[in-house]
Amino acid sequence: MQKSSETTNVLYRFHKILDYKQKLLLYRTFVLSNFNFCPIVWHFSNKTNMRQIDEIQERAMRFFTGDQTSSYETMRKHIGVDCYSKRIKDIVLEVYETVNKVNPEFMHNIFSILSTRHNFRDGQKLIMPKFNTVQYEKMTFTYYRVHLWNLLPSHLKKAIHFQTFKRLINELDHGPNCSCRSCTILKTV
């Protein structure tokens, strides 16, 4: 976060000599790239850190667009930045790779497919891990990835190729429609 904040301050010095396209390119390259690197890790930060990330991004957007009046949400839509849905989609893509054994071998046994005697329409549900505390077990990647995967429609999970699955996920508006506490908090930040 500090690196993005410092970069924003340095780039602001040049805001009068650059046009809009150049500023947007610099924003995407030097600021947004810091948060798009390993978004799965950022997704599970606490609410305070998520608010700081949004404040840095908002300040950078205001610097580069020169827009001091629009809301942060309006600027994000105008520029086309939606970090929340990107993080959700990245988590689901990671689960797809693991379930279909595309990931490295050490990840193949991270979770198991639920097996039942009944023939359900959705045959690729994953076993939900049990948890004792909400903060340290439920709000983690271990629980959350299974939760998101189980929310996906079955036709998405049955995609044969990774590229097909990725295209189908990107066609969704905001990834799986999750209403858990973590997603609700992140949507309001």
C-alpha atoms as a PDB file:
ATOM      1  CA  MET A   1       0.000   0.000   0.000  1.00  0.00           C
ATOM      2  CA  GLN A   2       2.799   2.401   0.840  1.00  0.00           C
ATOM      3  CA  LYS A   3       4.447   1.825  -2.525  1.00  0.00           C
ATOM      4  CA  SER A   4       1.225   2.719  -4.351  1.00  0.00           C
ATOM      5  CA  SER A   5       0.754   5.808  -2.225  1.00  0.00           C
ATOM      6  CA  GLU A   6       4.311   6.989  -2.862  1.00  0.00           C
ATOM      7  CA  THR A   7       3.996   6.273  -6.589  1.00  0.00           C
ATOM      8  CA  THR A   8       0.793   8.308  -6.724  1.00  0.00           C
ATOM      9  CA  ASN A   9       2.556  11.258  -5.096  1.00  0.00           C
ATOM     10  CA  VAL A  10       5.475  11.082  -7.536  1.00  0.00           C
ATOM     11  CA  LEU A  11       3.240  10.756 -10.591  1.00  0.00           C
ATOM     12  CA  TYR A  12       1.084  13.674  -9.447  1.00  0.00           C
ATOM     13  CA  ARG A  13       4.014  15.991 -10.088  1.00  0.00           C
ATOM     14  CA  PHE A  14       3.591  15.291 -13.820  1.00  0.00           C
ATOM     15  CA  HIS A  15      -0.196  15.591 -13.974  1.00  0.00           C
ATOM     16  CA  LYS A  16      -0.132  18.913 -15.867  1.00  0.00           C
ATOM     17  CA  ILE A  17       2.107  17.724 -18.686  1.00  0.00           C
ATOM     18  CA  LEU A  18       0.370  14.394 -19.407  1.00  0.00           C
ATOM     19  CA  ASP A  19      -2.879  13.868 -21.273  1.00  0.00           C
ATOM     20  CA  TYR A  20      -5.746  11.682 -19.990  1.00  0.00           C
ATOM     21  CA  LYS A  21      -4.695   8.482 -21.811  1.00  0.00           C
ATOM     22  CA  GLN A  22      -1.147   8.753 -20.513  1.00  0.00           C
ATOM     23  CA  LYS A  23      -2.382   9.343 -16.963  1.00  0.00           C
ATOM     24  CA  LEU A  24      -4.727   6.367 -17.171  1.00  0.00           C
ATOM     25  CA  LEU A  25      -1.899   4.183 -18.455  1.00  0.00           C
ATOM     26  CA  LEU A  26       0.326   5.302 -15.587  1.00  0.00           C
ATOM     27  CA  TYR A  27      -2.474   4.650 -13.073  1.00  0.00           C
ATOM     28  CA  ARG A  28      -3.034   1.122 -14.378  1.00  0.00           C
ATOM     29  CA  THR A  29       0.706   0.422 -14.576  1.00  0.00           C
ATOM     30  CA  PHE A  30       2.030   1.842 -11.326  1.00  0.00           C
ATOM     31  CA  VAL A  31      -0.899   1.985  -8.905  1.00  0.00           C
ATOM     32  CA  LEU A  32      -3.511  -0.586  -9.883  1.00  0.00           C
ATOM     33  CA  SER A  33      -0.895  -3.219 -10.716  1.00  0.00           C
ATOM     34  CA  ASN A  34       0.167  -3.294  -7.050  1.00  0.00           C
ATOM     35  CA  PHE A  35      -3.341  -4.359  -6.049  1.00  0.00           C
ATOM     36  CA  ASN A  36      -3.877  -6.694  -8.990  1.00  0.00           C
ATOM     37  CA  PHE A  37      -0.761  -8.635  -8.040  1.00  0.00           C
ATOM     38  CA  CYS A  38      -1.950 -11.563  -5.952  1.00  0.00           C
ATOM     39  CA  PRO A  39      -5.500 -10.259  -5.378  1.00  0.00           C
ATOM     40  CA  ILE A  40      -6.438 -13.399  -3.466  1.00  0.00           C
ATOM     41  CA  VAL A  41      -4.189 -12.252  -0.620  1.00  0.00           C
ATOM     42  CA  TRP A  42      -5.648  -8.729  -0.626  1.00  0.00           C
ATOM     43  CA  HIS A  43      -9.168 -10.119  -0.557  1.00  0.00           C
ATOM     44  CA  PHE A  44      -8.759 -11.431   2.979  1.00  0.00           C
ATOM     45  CA  SER A  45      -7.333  -8.253   4.468  1.00  0.00           C
ATOM     46  CA  ASN A  46      -9.268  -6.677   7.293  1.00  0.00           C
ATOM     47  CA  LYS A  47     -11.765  -3.876   6.756  1.00  0.00           C
ATOM     48  CA  THR A  48      -9.282  -1.154   7.756  1.00  0.00           C
ATOM     49  CA  ASN A  49      -6.733  -2.296   5.178  1.00  0.00           C
ATOM     50  CA  MET A  50      -9.412  -2.567   2.499  1.00  0.00           C
ATOM     51  CA  ARG A  51     -10.501   1.005   3.275  1.00  0.00           C
ATOM     52  CA  GLN A  52      -6.870   2.179   2.978  1.00  0.00           C
ATOM     53  CA  ILE A  53      -6.527   0.447  -0.380  1.00  0.00           C
ATOM     54  CA  ASP A  54      -9.675   2.153  -1.645  1.00  0.00           C
ATOM     55  CA  GLU A  55      -8.497   5.545  -0.343  1.00  0.00           C
ATOM     56  CA  ILE A  56      -5.192   5.191  -2.205  1.00  0.00           C
ATOM     57  CA  GLN A  57      -6.996   4.182  -5.379  1.00  0.00           C
ATOM     58  CA  GLU A  58      -9.493   7.024  -5.052  1.00  0.00           C
ATOM     59  CA  ARG A  59      -6.724   9.575  -4.520  1.00  0.00           C
ATOM     60  CA  ALA A  60      -4.836   8.225  -7.535  1.00  0.00           C
ATOM     61  CA  MET A  61      -7.987   8.313  -9.691  1.00  0.00           C
ATOM     62  CA  ARG A  62      -8.662  11.913  -8.672  1.00  0.00           C
ATOM     63  CA  PHE A  63      -5.077  12.890  -9.491  1.00  0.00           C
ATOM     64  CA  PHE A  64      -5.071  11.232 -12.885  1.00  0.00           C
ATOM     65  CA  THR A  65      -8.582  12.131 -14.030  1.00  0.00           C
ATOM     66  CA  GLY A  66      -8.594  15.618 -12.539  1.00  0.00           C
ATOM     67  CA  ASP A  67     -12.127  14.903 -11.310  1.00  0.00           C
ATOM     68  CA  GLN A  68     -12.583  16.223  -7.774  1.00  0.00           C
ATOM     69  CA  THR A  69     -16.392  16.078  -7.660  1.00  0.00           C
ATOM     70  CA  SER A  70     -17.518  12.616  -8.809  1.00  0.00           C
ATOM     71  CA  SER A  71     -17.995   9.809  -6.328  1.00  0.00           C
ATOM     72  CA  TYR A  72     -15.400   7.072  -6.071  1.00  0.00           C
ATOM     73  CA  GLU A  73     -17.918   4.538  -7.409  1.00  0.00           C
ATOM     74  CA  THR A  74     -18.637   6.705 -10.471  1.00  0.00           C
ATOM     75  CA  MET A  75     -14.925   7.095 -11.223  1.00  0.00           C
ATOM     76  CA  ARG A  76     -14.346   3.345 -10.869  1.00  0.00           C
ATOM     77  CA  LYS A  77     -17.118   2.598 -13.351  1.00  0.00           C
ATOM     78  CA  HIS A  78     -15.882   5.274 -15.773  1.00  0.00           C
ATOM     79  CA  ILE A  79     -12.305   3.969 -15.727  1.00  0.00           C
ATOM     80  CA  GLY A  80     -13.435   0.341 -15.671  1.00  0.00           C
ATOM     81  CA  VAL A  81     -11.833  -0.711 -12.384  1.00  0.00           C
ATOM     82  CA  ASP A  82     -13.640  -3.324 -10.310  1.00  0.00           C
ATOM     83  CA  CYS A  83     -11.114  -4.910  -7.961  1.00  0.00           C
ATOM     84  CA  TYR A  84     -13.747  -6.700  -5.891  1.00  0.00           C
ATOM     85  CA  SER A  85     -15.196  -8.785  -8.720  1.00  0.00           C
ATOM     86  CA  LYS A  86     -11.698  -9.447 -10.077  1.00  0.00           C
ATOM     87  CA  ARG A  87     -10.674 -10.921  -6.720  1.00  0.00           C
ATOM     88  CA  ILE A  88     -13.785 -13.104  -6.583  1.00  0.00           C
ATOM     89  CA  LYS A  89     -13.217 -14.327 -10.138  1.00  0.00           C
ATOM     90  CA  ASP A  90      -9.549 -15.055  -9.431  1.00  0.00           C
ATOM     91  CA  ILE A  91     -10.491 -17.173  -6.420  1.00  0.00           C
ATOM     92  CA  VAL A  92     -12.991 -19.171  -8.480  1.00  0.00           C
ATOM     93  CA  LEU A  93     -10.453 -19.619 -11.308  1.00  0.00           C
ATOM     94  CA  GLU A  94      -7.941 -20.945  -8.781  1.00  0.00           C
ATOM     95  CA  VAL A  95     -10.488 -23.464  -7.501  1.00  0.00           C
ATOM     96  CA  TYR A  96     -11.282 -24.585 -11.071  1.00  0.00           C
ATOM     97  CA  GLU A  97      -7.590 -25.195 -11.722  1.00  0.00           C
ATOM     98  CA  THR A  98      -7.280 -27.188  -8.501  1.00  0.00           C
ATOM     99  CA  VAL A  99     -10.414 -29.301  -9.029  1.00  0.00           C
ATOM    100  CA  ASN A 100      -9.355 -30.116 -12.601  1.00  0.00           C
ATOM    101  CA  LYS A 101      -5.736 -30.747 -11.559  1.00  0.00           C
ATOM    102  CA  VAL A 102      -4.260 -27.971 -13.711  1.00  0.00           C
ATOM    103  CA  ASN A 103      -2.446 -26.440 -10.723  1.00  0.00           C
ATOM    104  CA  PRO A 104       0.859 -27.804  -9.419  1.00  0.00           C
ATOM    105  CA  GLU A 105       0.582 -31.280  -7.913  1.00  0.00           C
ATOM    106  CA  PHE A 106       0.907 -30.173  -4.282  1.00  0.00           C
ATOM    107  CA  MET A 107      -2.461 -28.364  -4.611  1.00  0.00           C
ATOM    108  CA  HIS A 108      -4.442 -31.322  -5.991  1.00  0.00           C
ATOM    109  CA  ASN A 109      -5.556 -32.599  -2.596  1.00  0.00           C
ATOM    110  CA  ILE A 110      -6.471 -29.297  -0.958  1.00  0.00           C
ATOM    111  CA  PHE A 111     -10.169 -30.121  -0.980  1.00  0.00           C
ATOM    112  CA  SER A 112     -12.455 -32.965  -1.947  1.00  0.00           C
ATOM    113  CA  ILE A 113     -15.528 -33.312  -4.096  1.00  0.00           C
ATOM    114  CA  LEU A 114     -18.624 -34.249  -2.128  1.00  0.00           C
ATOM    115  CA  SER A 115     -19.671 -37.783  -2.986  1.00  0.00           C
ATOM    116  CA  THR A 116     -23.210 -38.962  -2.340  1.00  0.00           C
ATOM    117  CA  ARG A 117     -25.332 -41.963  -3.243  1.00  0.00           C
ATOM    118  CA  HIS A 118     -27.834 -39.660  -4.906  1.00  0.00           C
ATOM    119  CA  ASN A 119     -27.543 -38.253  -8.405  1.00  0.00           C
ATOM    120  CA  PHE A 120     -27.781 -34.479  -7.959  1.00  0.00           C
ATOM    121  CA  ARG A 121     -27.766 -32.049 -10.857  1.00  0.00           C
ATOM    122  CA  ASP A 122     -24.712 -30.356  -9.403  1.00  0.00           C
ATOM    123  CA  GLY A 123     -22.227 -33.185  -9.069  1.00  0.00           C
ATOM    124  CA  GLN A 124     -19.180 -31.041  -8.325  1.00  0.00           C
ATOM    125  CA  LYS A 125     -19.948 -29.655  -4.883  1.00  0.00           C
ATOM    126  CA  LEU A 126     -16.935 -29.450  -2.623  1.00  0.00           C
ATOM    127  CA  ILE A 127     -16.879 -30.507   1.018  1.00  0.00           C
ATOM    128  CA  MET A 128     -17.182 -27.452   3.252  1.00  0.00           C
ATOM    129  CA  PRO A 129     -14.493 -27.312   5.947  1.00  0.00           C
ATOM    130  CA  LYS A 130     -15.720 -27.124   9.508  1.00  0.00           C
ATOM    131  CA  PHE A 131     -14.805 -24.081  11.556  1.00  0.00           C
ATOM    132  CA  ASN A 132     -14.964 -23.022  15.187  1.00  0.00           C
ATOM    133  CA  THR A 133     -14.377 -19.274  14.903  1.00  0.00           C
ATOM    134  CA  VAL A 134     -15.687 -16.886  12.290  1.00  0.00           C
ATOM    135  CA  GLN A 135     -12.737 -14.509  12.241  1.00  0.00           C
ATOM    136  CA  TYR A 136      -9.888 -16.987  11.935  1.00  0.00           C
ATOM    137  CA  GLU A 137     -11.423 -19.887  10.060  1.00  0.00           C
ATOM    138  CA  LYS A 138     -14.548 -18.826   8.190  1.00  0.00           C
ATOM    139  CA  MET A 139     -13.028 -15.618   6.815  1.00  0.00           C
ATOM    140  CA  THR A 140     -10.137 -17.456   5.191  1.00  0.00           C
ATOM    141  CA  PHE A 141      -9.280 -18.715   1.748  1.00  0.00           C
ATOM    142  CA  THR A 142      -9.766 -22.316   2.907  1.00  0.00           C
ATOM    143  CA  TYR A 143     -13.454 -21.837   3.650  1.00  0.00           C
ATOM    144  CA  TYR A 144     -14.239 -19.058   1.195  1.00  0.00           C
ATOM    145  CA  ARG A 145     -13.041 -20.779  -1.990  1.00  0.00           C
ATOM    146  CA  VAL A 146     -15.268 -23.811  -1.318  1.00  0.00           C
ATOM    147  CA  HIS A 147     -18.200 -21.521  -0.521  1.00  0.00           C
ATOM    148  CA  LEU A 148     -17.796 -19.587  -3.791  1.00  0.00           C
ATOM    149  CA  TRP A 149     -17.339 -22.753  -5.841  1.00  0.00           C
ATOM    150  CA  ASN A 150     -20.519 -24.273  -4.429  1.00  0.00           C
ATOM    151  CA  LEU A 151     -22.429 -21.090  -5.351  1.00  0.00           C
ATOM    152  CA  LEU A 152     -21.519 -21.406  -9.034  1.00  0.00           C
ATOM    153  CA  PRO A 153     -24.124 -22.802 -11.437  1.00  0.00           C
ATOM    154  CA  SER A 154     -23.339 -26.369 -12.494  1.00  0.00           C
ATOM    155  CA  HIS A 155     -22.939 -25.523 -16.199  1.00  0.00           C
ATOM    156  CA  LEU A 156     -19.954 -23.330 -15.300  1.00  0.00           C
ATOM    157  CA  LYS A 157     -18.276 -26.011 -13.193  1.00  0.00           C
ATOM    158  CA  LYS A 158     -18.641 -28.542 -15.991  1.00  0.00           C
ATOM    159  CA  ALA A 159     -16.657 -26.458 -18.494  1.00  0.00           C
ATOM    160  CA  ILE A 160     -14.098 -28.757 -20.095  1.00  0.00           C
ATOM    161  CA  HIS A 161     -11.350 -26.243 -20.864  1.00  0.00           C
ATOM    162  CA  PHE A 162      -9.899 -23.589 -18.600  1.00  0.00           C
ATOM    163  CA  GLN A 163     -10.266 -20.894 -21.260  1.00  0.00           C
ATOM    164  CA  THR A 164     -13.963 -21.738 -21.652  1.00  0.00           C
ATOM    165  CA  PHE A 165     -14.470 -21.556 -17.884  1.00  0.00           C
ATOM    166  CA  LYS A 166     -12.584 -18.263 -17.711  1.00  0.00           C
ATOM    167  CA  ARG A 167     -14.729 -16.780 -20.503  1.00  0.00           C
ATOM    168  CA  LEU A 168     -17.934 -17.907 -18.761  1.00  0.00           C
ATOM    169  CA  ILE A 169     -16.789 -16.452 -15.431  1.00  0.00           C
ATOM    170  CA  ASN A 170     -15.859 -13.152 -17.075  1.00  0.00           C
ATOM    171  CA  GLU A 171     -19.335 -12.962 -18.613  1.00  0.00           C
ATOM    172  CA  LEU A 172     -20.837 -12.939 -15.123  1.00  0.00           C
ATOM    173  CA  ASP A 173     -21.349  -9.437 -13.729  1.00  0.00           C
ATOM    174  CA  HIS A 174     -19.636  -9.893 -10.358  1.00  0.00           C
ATOM    175  CA  GLY A 175     -18.561 -13.509 -10.130  1.00  0.00           C
ATOM    176  CA  PRO A 176     -20.695 -15.789  -7.969  1.00  0.00           C
ATOM    177  CA  ASN A 177     -23.408 -13.884  -6.146  1.00  0.00           C
ATOM    178  CA  CYS A 178     -22.134 -14.282  -2.618  1.00  0.00           C
ATOM    179  CA  SER A 179     -23.845 -12.780   0.407  1.00  0.00           C
ATOM    180  CA  CYS A 180     -21.433 -13.904   3.126  1.00  0.00           C
ATOM    181  CA  ARG A 181     -20.169 -11.422   5.715  1.00  0.00           C
ATOM    182  CA  SER A 182     -16.790 -11.028   4.004  1.00  0.00           C
ATOM    183  CA  CYS A 183     -18.311 -10.175   0.613  1.00  0.00           C
ATOM    184  CA  THR A 184     -20.882  -7.864   2.157  1.00  0.00           C
ATOM    185  CA  ILE A 185     -18.142  -5.960   3.988  1.00  0.00           C
ATOM    186  CA  LEU A 186     -16.003  -5.712   0.868  1.00  0.00           C
ATOM    187  CA  LYS A 187     -18.900  -4.475  -1.272  1.00  0.00           C
ATOM    188  CA  THR A 188     -19.548  -1.617   1.162  1.00  0.00           C
ATOM    189  CA  VAL A 189     -15.945  -0.497   1.548  1.00  0.00           C
END
